[in-house]
Amino acid sequence: MKKLLVLIVISLWCSSLRAQSALYDESADAMQQITQAVQTAAQNNQYVLCQVGGNWCPWCLRFARFVQSDTAIHQLLEDNYVYIHINYSQNNKNPQAMQYLGNPARFGFPVLVILNERGEVIHIQNSAYLEAGNSYDAQKVKEFLSQWTPQAVKTLK
């Protein structure tokens, strides 16, 4: 009985930790997330970077940790993007948002969608092209993010 009680407590504790560290909010209204992000981006001369995926996806979690842990990439995100996580899961596939974003799930997960300050999809990126081994390639991620900043898109070369 004592072992069973300990197992139950540990299980509940682990579930609680998972819920607290969840990157994607399965109950979130993705269209509302997008609308708010676009408004913020427009006010700050930024674009919106939507990372579409779910807490079930190890590569989704890995990408989020990667871009937050690399100082240069993190700064690039902060300066140029409103970075949001759009949930796609068995419990909530957010069909309206997926249609709005150009049905990005066709590329696998995570998939990155860039919206301009008017909320228009300007690029959908298959994240597999940014991978290196069991992680992501810092140079590839920096190049990708740099090539889709508001300044880069609006500047003629």
N, C-alpha and C. Protein backbone atom coordinates (compact mmCIF):
# COMPACT_ATOMS: atom_id res chain seq x y z
N MET A 1 0.82 -1.19 0.00
CA MET A 1 0.00 0.00 0.00
C MET A 1 0.87 1.25 0.00
N LYS A 2 1.92 1.22 0.80
CA LYS A 2 2.81 2.37 0.90
C LYS A 2 3.47 2.66 -0.46
N LYS A 3 3.89 1.60 -1.16
CA LYS A 3 4.52 1.75 -2.47
C LYS A 3 3.53 2.34 -3.47
N LEU A 4 2.29 1.90 -3.41
CA LEU A 4 1.27 2.40 -4.31
C LEU A 4 1.03 3.90 -4.08
N LEU A 5 0.97 4.28 -2.83
CA LEU A 5 0.78 5.69 -2.49
C LEU A 5 1.94 6.54 -2.99
N VAL A 6 3.16 6.05 -2.83
CA VAL A 6 4.35 6.76 -3.31
C VAL A 6 4.30 6.90 -4.83
N LEU A 7 3.93 5.84 -5.53
CA LEU A 7 3.82 5.88 -6.99
C LEU A 7 2.77 6.89 -7.44
N ILE A 8 1.66 6.93 -6.76
CA ILE A 8 0.59 7.88 -7.11
C ILE A 8 1.08 9.31 -6.90
N VAL A 9 1.73 9.58 -5.81
CA VAL A 9 2.25 10.92 -5.52
C VAL A 9 3.28 11.33 -6.57
N ILE A 10 4.19 10.43 -6.91
CA ILE A 10 5.21 10.73 -7.92
C ILE A 10 4.56 10.97 -9.27
N SER A 11 3.59 10.17 -9.61
CA SER A 11 2.89 10.33 -10.89
C SER A 11 2.19 11.68 -10.97
N LEU A 12 1.50 12.05 -9.90
CA LEU A 12 0.82 13.36 -9.87
C LEU A 12 1.82 14.51 -9.95
N TRP A 13 2.92 14.37 -9.25
CA TRP A 13 3.96 15.40 -9.26
C TRP A 13 4.53 15.58 -10.67
N CYS A 14 4.82 14.44 -11.35
CA CYS A 14 5.36 14.50 -12.72
C CYS A 14 4.35 15.13 -13.67
N SER A 15 3.08 14.78 -13.52
CA SER A 15 2.04 15.37 -14.36
C SER A 15 1.96 16.87 -14.14
N SER A 16 2.09 17.27 -12.90
CA SER A 16 2.06 18.70 -12.57
C SER A 16 3.24 19.43 -13.20
N LEU A 17 4.42 18.83 -13.16
CA LEU A 17 5.59 19.44 -13.78
C LEU A 17 5.42 19.57 -15.28
N ARG A 18 4.88 18.52 -15.91
CA ARG A 18 4.65 18.56 -17.35
C ARG A 18 3.68 19.67 -17.70
N ALA A 19 2.62 19.81 -16.93
CA ALA A 19 1.62 20.84 -17.21
C ALA A 19 2.22 22.23 -17.06
N GLN A 20 3.07 22.41 -16.05
CA GLN A 20 3.69 23.71 -15.83
C GLN A 20 4.69 24.06 -16.92
N SER A 21 5.35 23.04 -17.47
CA SER A 21 6.38 23.32 -18.46
C SER A 21 5.88 23.17 -19.89
N ALA A 22 4.57 23.02 -20.06
CA ALA A 22 3.99 22.85 -21.39
C ALA A 22 4.25 24.10 -22.22
N LEU A 23 4.82 23.89 -23.37
CA LEU A 23 5.12 24.97 -24.29
C LEU A 23 3.88 25.40 -25.05
N TYR A 24 3.10 24.42 -25.46
CA TYR A 24 1.89 24.67 -26.23
C TYR A 24 0.68 24.57 -25.32
N ASP A 25 -0.22 25.53 -25.43
CA ASP A 25 -1.46 25.51 -24.67
C ASP A 25 -2.53 24.88 -25.55
N GLU A 26 -2.89 23.64 -25.24
CA GLU A 26 -3.85 22.91 -26.06
C GLU A 26 -5.23 23.53 -26.05
N SER A 27 -5.54 24.31 -25.02
CA SER A 27 -6.86 24.91 -24.93
C SER A 27 -6.92 26.31 -25.55
N ALA A 28 -5.79 26.81 -26.00
CA ALA A 28 -5.74 28.17 -26.53
C ALA A 28 -6.48 28.28 -27.86
N ASP A 29 -7.09 29.43 -28.07
CA ASP A 29 -7.70 29.76 -29.35
C ASP A 29 -6.59 30.31 -30.22
N ALA A 30 -6.14 29.51 -31.16
CA ALA A 30 -4.99 29.90 -31.98
C ALA A 30 -5.25 31.17 -32.79
N MET A 31 -6.47 31.36 -33.26
CA MET A 31 -6.76 32.57 -34.03
C MET A 31 -6.63 33.81 -33.14
N GLN A 32 -7.03 33.68 -31.90
CA GLN A 32 -6.86 34.80 -30.96
C GLN A 32 -5.38 35.05 -30.70
N GLN A 33 -4.59 33.99 -30.56
CA GLN A 33 -3.14 34.14 -30.37
C GLN A 33 -2.54 34.89 -31.56
N ILE A 34 -2.95 34.49 -32.76
CA ILE A 34 -2.41 35.10 -33.98
C ILE A 34 -2.80 36.57 -34.06
N THR A 35 -4.07 36.86 -33.80
CA THR A 35 -4.55 38.24 -33.86
C THR A 35 -3.78 39.14 -32.90
N GLN A 36 -3.60 38.67 -31.67
CA GLN A 36 -2.85 39.45 -30.68
C GLN A 36 -1.40 39.64 -31.09
N ALA A 37 -0.79 38.58 -31.61
CA ALA A 37 0.61 38.66 -32.03
C ALA A 37 0.78 39.63 -33.19
N VAL A 38 -0.14 39.61 -34.14
CA VAL A 38 -0.07 40.53 -35.29
C VAL A 38 -0.21 41.98 -34.82
N GLN A 39 -1.10 42.23 -33.88
CA GLN A 39 -1.27 43.59 -33.35
C GLN A 39 0.03 44.07 -32.69
N THR A 40 0.64 43.21 -31.90
CA THR A 40 1.91 43.56 -31.24
C THR A 40 3.00 43.77 -32.28
N ALA A 41 3.07 42.90 -33.26
CA ALA A 41 4.09 43.02 -34.31
C ALA A 41 3.93 44.34 -35.07
N ALA A 42 2.72 44.71 -35.41
CA ALA A 42 2.47 45.95 -36.15
C ALA A 42 2.92 47.17 -35.34
N GLN A 43 2.69 47.14 -34.06
CA GLN A 43 3.09 48.25 -33.19
C GLN A 43 4.61 48.36 -33.04
N ASN A 44 5.30 47.24 -33.19
CA ASN A 44 6.75 47.20 -32.93
C ASN A 44 7.60 47.01 -34.18
N ASN A 45 7.00 47.16 -35.37
CA ASN A 45 7.72 46.96 -36.62
C ASN A 45 8.41 45.60 -36.66
N GLN A 46 7.63 44.57 -36.32
CA GLN A 46 8.14 43.20 -36.30
C GLN A 46 7.24 42.32 -37.15
N TYR A 47 7.66 41.08 -37.33
CA TYR A 47 6.84 40.05 -37.94
C TYR A 47 6.46 39.04 -36.85
N VAL A 48 5.58 38.14 -37.18
CA VAL A 48 5.18 37.08 -36.25
C VAL A 48 5.80 35.77 -36.72
N LEU A 49 6.45 35.08 -35.80
CA LEU A 49 6.97 33.75 -36.07
C LEU A 49 6.09 32.77 -35.31
N CYS A 50 5.30 32.00 -36.05
CA CYS A 50 4.43 30.98 -35.46
C CYS A 50 5.16 29.65 -35.54
N GLN A 51 5.40 29.06 -34.40
CA GLN A 51 5.94 27.70 -34.37
C GLN A 51 4.75 26.78 -34.15
N VAL A 52 4.39 26.02 -35.16
CA VAL A 52 3.23 25.14 -35.10
C VAL A 52 3.71 23.74 -34.72
N GLY A 53 3.08 23.18 -33.71
CA GLY A 53 3.44 21.85 -33.24
C GLY A 53 2.67 21.52 -31.98
N GLY A 54 3.28 20.74 -31.12
CA GLY A 54 2.61 20.36 -29.88
C GLY A 54 3.57 19.83 -28.85
N ASN A 55 3.07 19.73 -27.63
CA ASN A 55 3.88 19.21 -26.53
C ASN A 55 4.24 17.74 -26.73
N TRP A 56 3.55 17.05 -27.60
CA TRP A 56 3.79 15.65 -27.93
C TRP A 56 5.02 15.49 -28.85
N CYS A 57 5.51 16.59 -29.42
CA CYS A 57 6.54 16.56 -30.46
C CYS A 57 7.91 16.91 -29.88
N PRO A 58 8.82 15.94 -29.77
CA PRO A 58 10.14 16.25 -29.19
C PRO A 58 10.92 17.29 -29.99
N TRP A 59 10.79 17.28 -31.34
CA TRP A 59 11.50 18.26 -32.15
C TRP A 59 10.95 19.66 -31.95
N CYS A 60 9.66 19.78 -31.64
CA CYS A 60 9.05 21.08 -31.35
C CYS A 60 9.65 21.67 -30.07
N LEU A 61 9.72 20.84 -29.05
CA LEU A 61 10.28 21.28 -27.77
C LEU A 61 11.77 21.59 -27.92
N ARG A 62 12.45 20.78 -28.70
CA ARG A 62 13.88 20.96 -28.94
C ARG A 62 14.15 22.29 -29.63
N PHE A 63 13.34 22.63 -30.65
CA PHE A 63 13.54 23.89 -31.37
C PHE A 63 13.34 25.08 -30.43
N ALA A 64 12.30 25.04 -29.64
CA ALA A 64 12.03 26.14 -28.71
C ALA A 64 13.18 26.33 -27.73
N ARG A 65 13.68 25.23 -27.19
CA ARG A 65 14.82 25.33 -26.26
C ARG A 65 16.06 25.86 -26.99
N PHE A 66 16.26 25.38 -28.21
CA PHE A 66 17.44 25.77 -28.99
C PHE A 66 17.47 27.27 -29.24
N VAL A 67 16.36 27.83 -29.72
CA VAL A 67 16.36 29.27 -30.05
C VAL A 67 16.42 30.15 -28.82
N GLN A 68 15.99 29.62 -27.68
CA GLN A 68 16.06 30.41 -26.45
C GLN A 68 17.45 30.32 -25.81
N SER A 69 18.16 29.22 -26.05
CA SER A 69 19.46 29.03 -25.40
C SER A 69 20.63 29.64 -26.17
N ASP A 70 20.48 29.85 -27.46
CA ASP A 70 21.53 30.48 -28.25
C ASP A 70 21.33 32.00 -28.17
N THR A 71 22.28 32.69 -27.61
CA THR A 71 22.14 34.12 -27.34
C THR A 71 21.89 34.94 -28.61
N ALA A 72 22.63 34.67 -29.66
CA ALA A 72 22.47 35.44 -30.91
C ALA A 72 21.11 35.18 -31.55
N ILE A 73 20.68 33.94 -31.55
CA ILE A 73 19.38 33.61 -32.13
C ILE A 73 18.26 34.20 -31.28
N HIS A 74 18.40 34.08 -29.99
CA HIS A 74 17.39 34.65 -29.09
C HIS A 74 17.25 36.16 -29.32
N GLN A 75 18.36 36.85 -29.49
CA GLN A 75 18.33 38.29 -29.72
C GLN A 75 17.70 38.62 -31.08
N LEU A 76 18.01 37.83 -32.07
CA LEU A 76 17.42 37.98 -33.41
C LEU A 76 15.89 37.85 -33.33
N LEU A 77 15.44 36.88 -32.57
CA LEU A 77 14.00 36.71 -32.35
C LEU A 77 13.40 37.91 -31.64
N GLU A 78 14.01 38.31 -30.55
CA GLU A 78 13.50 39.43 -29.76
C GLU A 78 13.39 40.71 -30.57
N ASP A 79 14.40 40.97 -31.40
CA ASP A 79 14.44 42.22 -32.17
C ASP A 79 13.47 42.25 -33.33
N ASN A 80 13.14 41.09 -33.90
CA ASN A 80 12.43 41.08 -35.17
C ASN A 80 11.09 40.35 -35.20
N TYR A 81 10.79 39.58 -34.18
CA TYR A 81 9.61 38.74 -34.23
C TYR A 81 8.81 38.74 -32.94
N VAL A 82 7.52 38.53 -33.08
CA VAL A 82 6.68 38.12 -31.96
C VAL A 82 6.59 36.61 -32.14
N TYR A 83 7.15 35.88 -31.21
CA TYR A 83 7.31 34.41 -31.31
C TYR A 83 6.20 33.73 -30.53
N ILE A 84 5.34 32.98 -31.25
CA ILE A 84 4.23 32.30 -30.60
C ILE A 84 4.24 30.81 -30.96
N HIS A 85 3.58 30.04 -30.11
CA HIS A 85 3.47 28.60 -30.32
C HIS A 85 2.01 28.26 -30.56
N ILE A 86 1.73 27.74 -31.75
CA ILE A 86 0.38 27.38 -32.15
C ILE A 86 0.23 25.86 -32.00
N ASN A 87 -0.71 25.47 -31.17
CA ASN A 87 -0.92 24.05 -30.90
C ASN A 87 -1.60 23.32 -32.05
N TYR A 88 -1.08 22.14 -32.33
CA TYR A 88 -1.72 21.19 -33.23
C TYR A 88 -1.60 19.84 -32.55
N SER A 89 -2.72 19.32 -32.07
CA SER A 89 -2.68 18.05 -31.35
C SER A 89 -3.98 17.29 -31.59
N GLN A 90 -4.02 16.06 -31.11
CA GLN A 90 -5.24 15.25 -31.25
C GLN A 90 -6.42 15.95 -30.59
N ASN A 91 -6.19 16.60 -29.47
CA ASN A 91 -7.26 17.26 -28.73
C ASN A 91 -7.69 18.59 -29.34
N ASN A 92 -6.80 19.24 -30.06
CA ASN A 92 -7.13 20.54 -30.63
C ASN A 92 -6.25 20.78 -31.85
N LYS A 93 -6.81 20.53 -33.01
CA LYS A 93 -6.06 20.72 -34.26
C LYS A 93 -6.17 22.14 -34.79
N ASN A 94 -6.92 22.99 -34.12
CA ASN A 94 -7.06 24.39 -34.52
C ASN A 94 -7.28 24.53 -36.03
N PRO A 95 -8.34 23.95 -36.56
CA PRO A 95 -8.54 23.93 -38.01
C PRO A 95 -8.63 25.31 -38.66
N GLN A 96 -9.26 26.26 -37.99
CA GLN A 96 -9.37 27.60 -38.56
C GLN A 96 -7.99 28.25 -38.69
N ALA A 97 -7.18 28.10 -37.65
CA ALA A 97 -5.83 28.67 -37.68
C ALA A 97 -4.96 27.94 -38.71
N MET A 98 -5.10 26.63 -38.81
CA MET A 98 -4.31 25.89 -39.79
C MET A 98 -4.64 26.34 -41.21
N GLN A 99 -5.91 26.55 -41.47
CA GLN A 99 -6.30 27.03 -42.80
C GLN A 99 -5.73 28.44 -43.03
N TYR A 100 -5.85 29.30 -42.04
CA TYR A 100 -5.34 30.67 -42.13
C TYR A 100 -3.83 30.68 -42.41
N LEU A 101 -3.13 29.75 -41.79
CA LEU A 101 -1.67 29.69 -41.91
C LEU A 101 -1.20 28.93 -43.16
N GLY A 102 -2.12 28.52 -44.01
CA GLY A 102 -1.74 27.84 -45.25
C GLY A 102 -1.56 26.34 -45.09
N ASN A 103 -2.26 25.77 -44.11
CA ASN A 103 -2.17 24.33 -43.84
C ASN A 103 -0.73 23.84 -43.70
N PRO A 104 0.01 24.41 -42.76
CA PRO A 104 1.44 24.10 -42.64
C PRO A 104 1.75 22.69 -42.15
N ALA A 105 0.78 21.98 -41.59
CA ALA A 105 1.03 20.64 -41.07
C ALA A 105 1.54 19.69 -42.14
N ARG A 106 1.33 20.03 -43.39
CA ARG A 106 1.79 19.19 -44.49
C ARG A 106 3.31 19.05 -44.51
N PHE A 107 4.02 19.93 -43.82
CA PHE A 107 5.48 19.90 -43.79
C PHE A 107 6.02 19.13 -42.59
N GLY A 108 5.17 18.64 -41.72
CA GLY A 108 5.64 17.98 -40.50
C GLY A 108 5.78 18.99 -39.38
N PHE A 109 6.33 18.55 -38.27
CA PHE A 109 6.40 19.41 -37.08
C PHE A 109 7.80 19.40 -36.48
N PRO A 110 8.24 20.51 -35.93
CA PRO A 110 7.54 21.78 -35.97
C PRO A 110 7.62 22.37 -37.37
N VAL A 111 6.67 23.22 -37.66
CA VAL A 111 6.71 23.98 -38.90
C VAL A 111 6.63 25.45 -38.49
N LEU A 112 7.37 26.27 -39.19
CA LEU A 112 7.48 27.69 -38.84
C LEU A 112 6.77 28.51 -39.91
N VAL A 113 5.88 29.39 -39.46
CA VAL A 113 5.13 30.24 -40.38
C VAL A 113 5.41 31.69 -39.99
N ILE A 114 5.80 32.48 -40.99
CA ILE A 114 6.06 33.90 -40.75
C ILE A 114 4.93 34.72 -41.33
N LEU A 115 4.41 35.60 -40.48
CA LEU A 115 3.36 36.52 -40.88
C LEU A 115 3.93 37.93 -40.86
N ASN A 116 3.53 38.75 -41.83
CA ASN A 116 3.97 40.13 -41.80
C ASN A 116 3.11 40.93 -40.82
N GLU A 117 3.33 42.23 -40.76
CA GLU A 117 2.64 43.08 -39.79
C GLU A 117 1.14 43.22 -40.09
N ARG A 118 0.70 42.76 -41.25
CA ARG A 118 -0.73 42.77 -41.59
C ARG A 118 -1.36 41.39 -41.38
N GLY A 119 -0.57 40.44 -40.92
CA GLY A 119 -1.08 39.11 -40.64
C GLY A 119 -1.10 38.21 -41.86
N GLU A 120 -0.42 38.60 -42.91
CA GLU A 120 -0.36 37.79 -44.13
C GLU A 120 0.78 36.78 -44.03
N VAL A 121 0.51 35.56 -44.44
CA VAL A 121 1.56 34.53 -44.48
C VAL A 121 2.55 34.91 -45.57
N ILE A 122 3.81 35.07 -45.19
CA ILE A 122 4.82 35.39 -46.19
C ILE A 122 5.82 34.25 -46.40
N HIS A 123 5.83 33.29 -45.46
CA HIS A 123 6.74 32.15 -45.63
C HIS A 123 6.33 31.02 -44.71
N ILE A 124 6.44 29.80 -45.22
CA ILE A 124 6.26 28.58 -44.41
C ILE A 124 7.56 27.80 -44.53
N GLN A 125 8.15 27.45 -43.38
CA GLN A 125 9.45 26.80 -43.36
C GLN A 125 9.36 25.40 -42.75
N ASN A 126 9.75 24.42 -43.52
CA ASN A 126 9.91 23.06 -43.02
C ASN A 126 11.16 23.07 -42.14
N SER A 127 10.99 22.81 -40.86
CA SER A 127 12.13 22.91 -39.94
C SER A 127 13.18 21.83 -40.15
N ALA A 128 12.86 20.79 -40.89
CA ALA A 128 13.85 19.74 -41.16
C ALA A 128 15.08 20.30 -41.85
N TYR A 129 14.90 21.37 -42.63
CA TYR A 129 16.03 21.98 -43.33
C TYR A 129 16.94 22.77 -42.40
N LEU A 130 16.53 22.93 -41.16
CA LEU A 130 17.33 23.67 -40.18
C LEU A 130 18.02 22.73 -39.19
N GLU A 131 17.82 21.44 -39.37
CA GLU A 131 18.36 20.45 -38.45
C GLU A 131 19.82 20.11 -38.73
N ALA A 132 20.46 19.61 -37.68
CA ALA A 132 21.82 19.06 -37.78
C ALA A 132 21.93 17.97 -36.73
N GLY A 133 22.01 16.73 -37.16
CA GLY A 133 22.09 15.62 -36.22
C GLY A 133 20.83 15.53 -35.38
N ASN A 134 21.01 15.53 -34.07
CA ASN A 134 19.88 15.45 -33.15
C ASN A 134 19.46 16.82 -32.62
N SER A 135 19.81 17.87 -33.34
CA SER A 135 19.46 19.21 -32.90
C SER A 135 19.26 20.09 -34.13
N TYR A 136 19.49 21.36 -33.94
CA TYR A 136 19.38 22.33 -35.03
C TYR A 136 20.73 22.96 -35.28
N ASP A 137 20.94 23.44 -36.49
CA ASP A 137 22.18 24.07 -36.89
C ASP A 137 22.05 25.58 -36.65
N ALA A 138 22.88 26.11 -35.78
CA ALA A 138 22.78 27.52 -35.41
C ALA A 138 22.91 28.44 -36.62
N GLN A 139 23.83 28.14 -37.51
CA GLN A 139 24.03 28.99 -38.69
C GLN A 139 22.80 28.98 -39.59
N LYS A 140 22.23 27.82 -39.82
CA LYS A 140 21.03 27.70 -40.66
C LYS A 140 19.85 28.45 -40.05
N VAL A 141 19.68 28.32 -38.74
CA VAL A 141 18.57 29.00 -38.06
C VAL A 141 18.78 30.51 -38.12
N LYS A 142 20.00 30.98 -37.88
CA LYS A 142 20.29 32.42 -37.97
C LYS A 142 20.03 32.95 -39.37
N GLU A 143 20.49 32.22 -40.38
CA GLU A 143 20.26 32.65 -41.77
C GLU A 143 18.77 32.71 -42.08
N PHE A 144 18.04 31.68 -41.69
CA PHE A 144 16.60 31.66 -41.92
C PHE A 144 15.93 32.87 -41.27
N LEU A 145 16.18 33.07 -39.99
CA LEU A 145 15.55 34.19 -39.29
C LEU A 145 15.99 35.54 -39.85
N SER A 146 17.25 35.67 -40.22
CA SER A 146 17.77 36.93 -40.78
C SER A 146 17.16 37.24 -42.13
N GLN A 147 16.92 36.22 -42.93
CA GLN A 147 16.39 36.43 -44.28
C GLN A 147 14.92 36.80 -44.29
N TRP A 148 14.22 36.63 -43.16
CA TRP A 148 12.79 36.93 -43.10
C TRP A 148 12.45 38.02 -42.11
N THR A 149 13.42 38.83 -41.71
CA THR A 149 13.11 39.97 -40.84
C THR A 149 12.36 41.03 -41.65
N PRO A 150 11.63 41.91 -41.00
CA PRO A 150 10.96 42.99 -41.73
C PRO A 150 11.93 43.79 -42.60
N GLN A 151 13.09 44.11 -42.05
CA GLN A 151 14.07 44.90 -42.80
C GLN A 151 14.56 44.13 -44.03
N ALA A 152 14.85 42.85 -43.89
CA ALA A 152 15.35 42.06 -45.03
C ALA A 152 14.29 41.94 -46.12
N VAL A 153 13.06 41.71 -45.74
CA VAL A 153 11.99 41.53 -46.72
C VAL A 153 11.69 42.83 -47.46
N LYS A 154 11.79 43.94 -46.76
CA LYS A 154 11.43 45.23 -47.36
C LYS A 154 12.57 45.93 -48.07
N THR A 155 13.77 45.38 -47.98
CA THR A 155 14.94 46.00 -48.59
C THR A 155 15.22 45.35 -49.94
N LEU A 156 15.33 46.17 -50.95
CA LEU A 156 15.72 45.67 -52.27
C LEU A 156 17.21 45.46 -52.30
N LYS A 157 17.63 44.39 -52.90
CA LYS A 157 19.08 44.13 -52.97
C LYS A 157 19.57 44.43 -54.35
